Amino acid sequence: MVGRIIETPDCVAEGAAWLARAEPRFAHALKLTGPLPLRRRKDGFEELLSAIISQQVSVASASAIWGRMQDAQLTDPQRVAGASEEDLRAVGLSRQKVRYAKALADAGIDFASLRTAPDEQVISILTEVPGIGRWTAEVYAMFSLGRADVFAPADLALQEAARILFALPGRPKEKPLRQMAEAWSPWRAVAARALWAYYRVAKDREGIR
């Protein structure tokens, strides 16, 4: 079964209100952050390809590479599948990312069907593709598919925000943070938004995912 889908800022506000009632520390965080962003994105091949391109490079580098891929019309599965390694290397992809881009193009994912697939099925399908780990799949489910009850506990900013907000003795690892987040169901994706926003406030930094 597919649960709640976050479509509008009102959906995010509803989830934030629920979290504030359920957990006083979220109420405190939300007073500092103000309204949380919707952060919906489009879904499909391009979004996942862009996520692969962005891995382990700076925002500026990823943007430059993506711009060259757009200029070369290498952002749809047919064009990527038909491109040579030299074509993809020419726009800035490493050999490893050429392999990942080709694997995504060849995977034949039915992106429309993912919109109605259960959360774990979405994550399972996506993580079968080389270059797409669970974090990328969870972020895609949260922001491209609008899933309200998906969380990404491997995210370092979420781990650090949880450490600060909940006064933990150390940064929680993926498994304990995933267990901790169970208490925030059915609005775990809004909890993630709140923790990301709180991290920016707490660390006084910009550009955190």
C-alpha atoms as a PDB file:
ATOM      1  CA  MET A   1       0.000   0.000   0.000  1.00  0.00           C
ATOM      2  CA  VAL A   2       1.125   3.540  -0.759  1.00  0.00           C
ATOM      3  CA  GLY A   3       0.691   5.881   2.177  1.00  0.00           C
ATOM      4  CA  ARG A   4       0.297   9.621   2.283  1.00  0.00           C
ATOM      5  CA  ILE A   5       1.757  11.628  -0.587  1.00  0.00           C
ATOM      6  CA  ILE A   6       3.157  15.095   0.076  1.00  0.00           C
ATOM      7  CA  GLU A   7       1.805  17.298  -2.693  1.00  0.00           C
ATOM      8  CA  THR A   8       1.582  20.833  -1.257  1.00  0.00           C
ATOM      9  CA  PRO A   9       3.052  23.030   1.500  1.00  0.00           C
ATOM     10  CA  ASP A  10      -0.133  22.336   3.471  1.00  0.00           C
ATOM     11  CA  CYS A  11       0.824  18.639   3.581  1.00  0.00           C
ATOM     12  CA  VAL A  12       4.224  19.544   5.022  1.00  0.00           C
ATOM     13  CA  ALA A  13       2.590  21.873   7.550  1.00  0.00           C
ATOM     14  CA  GLU A  14       0.211  19.111   8.620  1.00  0.00           C
ATOM     15  CA  GLY A  15       3.099  16.736   9.172  1.00  0.00           C
ATOM     16  CA  ALA A  16       5.083  19.384  11.068  1.00  0.00           C
ATOM     17  CA  ALA A  17       2.139  20.045  13.369  1.00  0.00           C
ATOM     18  CA  TRP A  18       1.816  16.318  14.054  1.00  0.00           C
ATOM     19  CA  LEU A  19       5.515  16.048  14.880  1.00  0.00           C
ATOM     20  CA  ALA A  20       5.372  19.077  17.179  1.00  0.00           C
ATOM     21  CA  ARG A  21       2.529  17.474  19.121  1.00  0.00           C
ATOM     22  CA  ALA A  22       4.222  14.074  19.243  1.00  0.00           C
ATOM     23  CA  GLU A  23       7.723  15.228  20.191  1.00  0.00           C
ATOM     24  CA  PRO A  24       8.477  18.474  22.113  1.00  0.00           C
ATOM     25  CA  ARG A  25      11.965  18.659  20.633  1.00  0.00           C
ATOM     26  CA  PHE A  26      10.496  18.919  17.153  1.00  0.00           C
ATOM     27  CA  ALA A  27       8.280  21.719  18.433  1.00  0.00           C
ATOM     28  CA  HIS A  28      11.445  23.492  19.603  1.00  0.00           C
ATOM     29  CA  ALA A  29      13.216  22.906  16.289  1.00  0.00           C
ATOM     30  CA  LEU A  30      10.259  24.145  14.260  1.00  0.00           C
ATOM     31  CA  LYS A  31      10.152  27.397  16.242  1.00  0.00           C
ATOM     32  CA  LEU A  32      13.706  28.017  15.096  1.00  0.00           C
ATOM     33  CA  THR A  33      13.336  26.912  11.490  1.00  0.00           C
ATOM     34  CA  GLY A  34       9.951  28.377  10.622  1.00  0.00           C
ATOM     35  CA  PRO A  35       7.800  26.742   7.912  1.00  0.00           C
ATOM     36  CA  LEU A  36       9.451  23.773   6.230  1.00  0.00           C
ATOM     37  CA  PRO A  37       9.985  23.662   2.449  1.00  0.00           C
ATOM     38  CA  LEU A  38       7.952  21.457   0.136  1.00  0.00           C
ATOM     39  CA  ARG A  39      11.024  20.307  -1.795  1.00  0.00           C
ATOM     40  CA  ARG A  40       9.072  18.344  -4.400  1.00  0.00           C
ATOM     41  CA  ARG A  41      10.984  17.483  -7.552  1.00  0.00           C
ATOM     42  CA  LYS A  42      10.075  15.869 -10.824  1.00  0.00           C
ATOM     43  CA  ASP A  43      10.440  12.122 -11.087  1.00  0.00           C
ATOM     44  CA  GLY A  44      11.925   9.945 -13.795  1.00  0.00           C
ATOM     45  CA  PHE A  45      15.185   9.073 -15.506  1.00  0.00           C
ATOM     46  CA  GLU A  46      16.656  12.575 -15.588  1.00  0.00           C
ATOM     47  CA  GLU A  47      16.273  13.083 -11.846  1.00  0.00           C
ATOM     48  CA  LEU A  48      18.084   9.846 -11.033  1.00  0.00           C
ATOM     49  CA  LEU A  49      20.770  10.439 -13.655  1.00  0.00           C
ATOM     50  CA  SER A  50      21.373  13.885 -12.171  1.00  0.00           C
ATOM     51  CA  ALA A  51      21.675  12.318  -8.707  1.00  0.00           C
ATOM     52  CA  ILE A  52      24.321   9.914  -9.999  1.00  0.00           C
ATOM     53  CA  ILE A  53      26.228  12.770 -11.657  1.00  0.00           C
ATOM     54  CA  SER A  54      26.195  14.697  -8.366  1.00  0.00           C
ATOM     55  CA  GLN A  55      27.757  11.938  -6.294  1.00  0.00           C
ATOM     56  CA  GLN A  56      31.155  12.740  -4.778  1.00  0.00           C
ATOM     57  CA  VAL A  57      31.667  15.990  -6.683  1.00  0.00           C
ATOM     58  CA  SER A  58      31.054  19.590  -5.709  1.00  0.00           C
ATOM     59  CA  VAL A  59      27.771  21.303  -6.487  1.00  0.00           C
ATOM     60  CA  ALA A  60      29.549  23.515  -9.028  1.00  0.00           C
ATOM     61  CA  SER A  61      31.173  20.552 -10.782  1.00  0.00           C
ATOM     62  CA  ALA A  62      27.926  18.606 -10.887  1.00  0.00           C
ATOM     63  CA  SER A  63      26.112  21.618 -12.339  1.00  0.00           C
ATOM     64  CA  ALA A  64      28.756  22.100 -15.009  1.00  0.00           C
ATOM     65  CA  ILE A  65      28.713  18.434 -16.022  1.00  0.00           C
ATOM     66  CA  TRP A  66      24.918  18.365 -16.111  1.00  0.00           C
ATOM     67  CA  GLY A  67      24.885  21.481 -18.272  1.00  0.00           C
ATOM     68  CA  ARG A  68      27.235  19.822 -20.765  1.00  0.00           C
ATOM     69  CA  MET A  69      25.059  16.701 -20.775  1.00  0.00           C
ATOM     70  CA  GLN A  70      22.001  18.814 -21.528  1.00  0.00           C
ATOM     71  CA  ASP A  71      23.840  20.620 -24.311  1.00  0.00           C
ATOM     72  CA  ALA A  72      24.822  17.243 -25.772  1.00  0.00           C
ATOM     73  CA  GLN A  73      21.265  15.922 -25.336  1.00  0.00           C
ATOM     74  CA  LEU A  74      22.495  13.091 -23.140  1.00  0.00           C
ATOM     75  CA  THR A  75      19.748  13.192 -20.506  1.00  0.00           C
ATOM     76  CA  ASP A  76      17.260  10.590 -21.750  1.00  0.00           C
ATOM     77  CA  PRO A  77      17.715   6.814 -21.564  1.00  0.00           C
ATOM     78  CA  GLN A  78      17.796   6.221 -25.314  1.00  0.00           C
ATOM     79  CA  ARG A  79      20.526   8.795 -25.917  1.00  0.00           C
ATOM     80  CA  VAL A  80      22.595   7.613 -22.950  1.00  0.00           C
ATOM     81  CA  ALA A  81      22.234   3.969 -23.971  1.00  0.00           C
ATOM     82  CA  GLY A  82      23.326   4.802 -27.517  1.00  0.00           C
ATOM     83  CA  ALA A  83      26.229   7.029 -26.527  1.00  0.00           C
ATOM     84  CA  SER A  84      29.783   5.739 -26.556  1.00  0.00           C
ATOM     85  CA  GLU A  85      32.018   5.838 -23.506  1.00  0.00           C
ATOM     86  CA  GLU A  86      34.004   8.545 -25.282  1.00  0.00           C
ATOM     87  CA  ASP A  87      30.848  10.655 -25.709  1.00  0.00           C
ATOM     88  CA  LEU A  88      30.066  10.437 -22.011  1.00  0.00           C
ATOM     89  CA  ARG A  89      33.628  10.963 -20.920  1.00  0.00           C
ATOM     90  CA  ALA A  90      33.768  14.066 -23.124  1.00  0.00           C
ATOM     91  CA  VAL A  91      31.065  15.786 -21.059  1.00  0.00           C
ATOM     92  CA  GLY A  92      32.917  15.071 -17.828  1.00  0.00           C
ATOM     93  CA  LEU A  93      31.771  11.692 -16.541  1.00  0.00           C
ATOM     94  CA  SER A  94      34.311   9.439 -14.876  1.00  0.00           C
ATOM     95  CA  ARG A  95      34.596   5.875 -16.136  1.00  0.00           C
ATOM     96  CA  GLN A  96      32.670   4.683 -13.087  1.00  0.00           C
ATOM     97  CA  LYS A  97      29.854   7.153 -13.704  1.00  0.00           C
ATOM     98  CA  VAL A  98      29.744   6.190 -17.373  1.00  0.00           C
ATOM     99  CA  ARG A  99      29.068   2.643 -16.170  1.00  0.00           C
ATOM    100  CA  TYR A 100      26.390   3.861 -13.749  1.00  0.00           C
ATOM    101  CA  ALA A 101      24.690   6.056 -16.364  1.00  0.00           C
ATOM    102  CA  LYS A 102      24.645   3.178 -18.832  1.00  0.00           C
ATOM    103  CA  ALA A 103      23.267   0.825 -16.186  1.00  0.00           C
ATOM    104  CA  LEU A 104      20.442   3.239 -15.402  1.00  0.00           C
ATOM    105  CA  ALA A 105      19.645   3.670 -19.092  1.00  0.00           C
ATOM    106  CA  ASP A 106      19.593  -0.102 -19.591  1.00  0.00           C
ATOM    107  CA  ALA A 107      17.574  -0.862 -16.447  1.00  0.00           C
ATOM    108  CA  GLY A 108      14.240  -0.281 -18.164  1.00  0.00           C
ATOM    109  CA  ILE A 109      12.640   1.154 -15.024  1.00  0.00           C
ATOM    110  CA  ASP A 110       8.951   1.917 -15.410  1.00  0.00           C
ATOM    111  CA  PHE A 111       9.023   5.249 -13.630  1.00  0.00           C
ATOM    112  CA  ALA A 112       5.269   5.756 -13.922  1.00  0.00           C
ATOM    113  CA  SER A 113       4.631   2.501 -12.061  1.00  0.00           C
ATOM    114  CA  LEU A 114       6.902   3.614  -9.213  1.00  0.00           C
ATOM    115  CA  ARG A 115       4.356   6.326  -8.398  1.00  0.00           C
ATOM    116  CA  THR A 116       1.957   3.679  -7.125  1.00  0.00           C
ATOM    117  CA  ALA A 117       4.461   1.105  -5.819  1.00  0.00           C
ATOM    118  CA  PRO A 118       4.951   0.576  -2.058  1.00  0.00           C
ATOM    119  CA  ASP A 119       7.894   2.434  -0.538  1.00  0.00           C
ATOM    120  CA  GLU A 120      10.109  -0.601  -0.025  1.00  0.00           C
ATOM    121  CA  GLN A 121       9.405  -1.829  -3.544  1.00  0.00           C
ATOM    122  CA  VAL A 122      10.485   1.540  -4.936  1.00  0.00           C
ATOM    123  CA  ILE A 123      13.712   1.386  -2.941  1.00  0.00           C
ATOM    124  CA  SER A 124      14.335  -2.233  -3.920  1.00  0.00           C
ATOM    125  CA  ILE A 125      13.882  -1.526  -7.636  1.00  0.00           C
ATOM    126  CA  LEU A 126      16.126   1.526  -7.603  1.00  0.00           C
ATOM    127  CA  THR A 127      18.933  -0.006  -5.556  1.00  0.00           C
ATOM    128  CA  GLU A 128      19.243  -2.867  -8.032  1.00  0.00           C
ATOM    129  CA  VAL A 129      20.837  -0.343 -10.407  1.00  0.00           C
ATOM    130  CA  PRO A 130      24.623   0.060  -9.957  1.00  0.00           C
ATOM    131  CA  GLY A 131      25.381   3.528  -8.647  1.00  0.00           C
ATOM    132  CA  ILE A 132      22.095   3.941  -6.798  1.00  0.00           C
ATOM    133  CA  GLY A 133      22.401   3.241  -3.088  1.00  0.00           C
ATOM    134  CA  ARG A 134      19.668   3.224  -0.494  1.00  0.00           C
ATOM    135  CA  TRP A 135      20.238   6.903   0.393  1.00  0.00           C
ATOM    136  CA  THR A 136      19.680   8.008  -3.214  1.00  0.00           C
ATOM    137  CA  ALA A 137      16.601   5.791  -3.488  1.00  0.00           C
ATOM    138  CA  GLU A 138      15.142   7.136  -0.240  1.00  0.00           C
ATOM    139  CA  VAL A 139      15.727  10.744  -1.271  1.00  0.00           C
ATOM    140  CA  TYR A 140      14.062  10.006  -4.627  1.00  0.00           C
ATOM    141  CA  ALA A 141      11.076   8.460  -2.828  1.00  0.00           C
ATOM    142  CA  MET A 142      10.791  11.457  -0.512  1.00  0.00           C
ATOM    143  CA  PHE A 143      11.146  14.291  -2.973  1.00  0.00           C
ATOM    144  CA  SER A 144      10.363  12.936  -6.448  1.00  0.00           C
ATOM    145  CA  LEU A 145       7.505  10.675  -5.368  1.00  0.00           C
ATOM    146  CA  GLY A 146       6.384  12.692  -2.354  1.00  0.00           C
ATOM    147  CA  ARG A 147       6.349   9.761   0.057  1.00  0.00           C
ATOM    148  CA  ALA A 148       5.490  11.092   3.514  1.00  0.00           C
ATOM    149  CA  ASP A 149       6.842   8.200   5.561  1.00  0.00           C
ATOM    150  CA  VAL A 150      10.301   7.622   4.079  1.00  0.00           C
ATOM    151  CA  PHE A 151      13.484   8.616   5.906  1.00  0.00           C
ATOM    152  CA  ALA A 152      17.190   8.609   4.940  1.00  0.00           C
ATOM    153  CA  PRO A 153      19.113   7.723   8.103  1.00  0.00           C
ATOM    154  CA  ALA A 154      22.467   7.316   6.336  1.00  0.00           C
ATOM    155  CA  ASP A 155      22.496  11.072   5.707  1.00  0.00           C
ATOM    156  CA  LEU A 156      25.231  12.699   7.796  1.00  0.00           C
ATOM    157  CA  ALA A 157      23.353  15.971   8.241  1.00  0.00           C
ATOM    158  CA  LEU A 158      20.311  14.108   9.571  1.00  0.00           C
ATOM    159  CA  GLN A 159      22.538  12.166  11.950  1.00  0.00           C
ATOM    160  CA  GLU A 160      24.219  15.312  13.224  1.00  0.00           C
ATOM    161  CA  ALA A 161      20.944  17.210  13.550  1.00  0.00           C
ATOM    162  CA  ALA A 162      19.472  14.344  15.574  1.00  0.00           C
ATOM    163  CA  ARG A 163      22.552  14.338  17.818  1.00  0.00           C
ATOM    164  CA  ILE A 164      22.171  18.041  18.572  1.00  0.00           C
ATOM    165  CA  LEU A 165      18.379  18.198  18.852  1.00  0.00           C
ATOM    166  CA  PHE A 166      18.043  15.094  21.017  1.00  0.00           C
ATOM    167  CA  ALA A 167      21.246  15.755  23.011  1.00  0.00           C
ATOM    168  CA  LEU A 168      22.708  12.382  22.109  1.00  0.00           C
ATOM    169  CA  PRO A 169      26.205  11.453  23.327  1.00  0.00           C
ATOM    170  CA  GLY A 170      27.395  10.907  19.755  1.00  0.00           C
ATOM    171  CA  ARG A 171      26.230  11.016  16.167  1.00  0.00           C
ATOM    172  CA  PRO A 172      23.812   8.103  15.652  1.00  0.00           C
ATOM    173  CA  LYS A 173      24.679   5.611  12.942  1.00  0.00           C
ATOM    174  CA  GLU A 174      22.247   4.563  10.242  1.00  0.00           C
ATOM    175  CA  LYS A 175      20.615   1.645  12.050  1.00  0.00           C
ATOM    176  CA  PRO A 176      19.907   3.349  15.397  1.00  0.00           C
ATOM    177  CA  LEU A 177      18.666   6.488  13.638  1.00  0.00           C
ATOM    178  CA  ARG A 178      16.338   4.389  11.483  1.00  0.00           C
ATOM    179  CA  GLN A 179      14.982   2.805  14.670  1.00  0.00           C
ATOM    180  CA  MET A 180      14.659   6.216  16.316  1.00  0.00           C
ATOM    181  CA  ALA A 181      12.716   7.538  13.333  1.00  0.00           C
ATOM    182  CA  GLU A 182      10.061   4.846  13.686  1.00  0.00           C
ATOM    183  CA  ALA A 183       8.461   7.028  16.361  1.00  0.00           C
ATOM    184  CA  TRP A 184       7.993   9.762  13.732  1.00  0.00           C
ATOM    185  CA  SER A 185       5.844   7.616  11.437  1.00  0.00           C
ATOM    186  CA  PRO A 186       3.671   8.389   9.458  1.00  0.00           C
ATOM    187  CA  TRP A 187       5.525  11.678   8.829  1.00  0.00           C
ATOM    188  CA  ARG A 188       9.152  10.590   8.679  1.00  0.00           C
ATOM    189  CA  ALA A 189       9.825  12.548   5.471  1.00  0.00           C
ATOM    190  CA  VAL A 190       8.646  15.716   7.230  1.00  0.00           C
ATOM    191  CA  ALA A 191      10.859  14.820  10.188  1.00  0.00           C
ATOM    192  CA  ALA A 192      13.748  14.664   7.706  1.00  0.00           C
ATOM    193  CA  ARG A 193      12.838  18.114   6.384  1.00  0.00           C
ATOM    194  CA  ALA A 194      12.713  19.420   9.949  1.00  0.00           C
ATOM    195  CA  LEU A 195      16.085  17.934  10.835  1.00  0.00           C
ATOM    196  CA  TRP A 196      17.731  19.269   7.678  1.00  0.00           C
ATOM    197  CA  ALA A 197      16.312  22.725   8.391  1.00  0.00           C
ATOM    198  CA  TYR A 198      17.370  22.502  12.036  1.00  0.00           C
ATOM    199  CA  TYR A 199      20.862  21.451  11.001  1.00  0.00           C
ATOM    200  CA  ARG A 200      21.232  24.639   8.954  1.00  0.00           C
ATOM    201  CA  VAL A 201      20.120  26.697  11.929  1.00  0.00           C
ATOM    202  CA  ALA A 202      22.242  24.799  14.437  1.00  0.00           C
ATOM    203  CA  LYS A 203      25.377  24.836  12.338  1.00  0.00           C
ATOM    204  CA  ASP A 204      24.761  28.237  10.759  1.00  0.00           C
ATOM    205  CA  ARG A 205      25.655  26.797   7.394  1.00  0.00           C
ATOM    206  CA  GLU A 206      24.151  26.995   3.925  1.00  0.00           C
ATOM    207  CA  GLY A 207      23.905  24.483   1.103  1.00  0.00           C
ATOM    208  CA  ILE A 208      23.116  21.437   3.210  1.00  0.00           C
ATOM    209  CA  ARG A 209      21.019  18.956   1.294  1.00  0.00           C
END
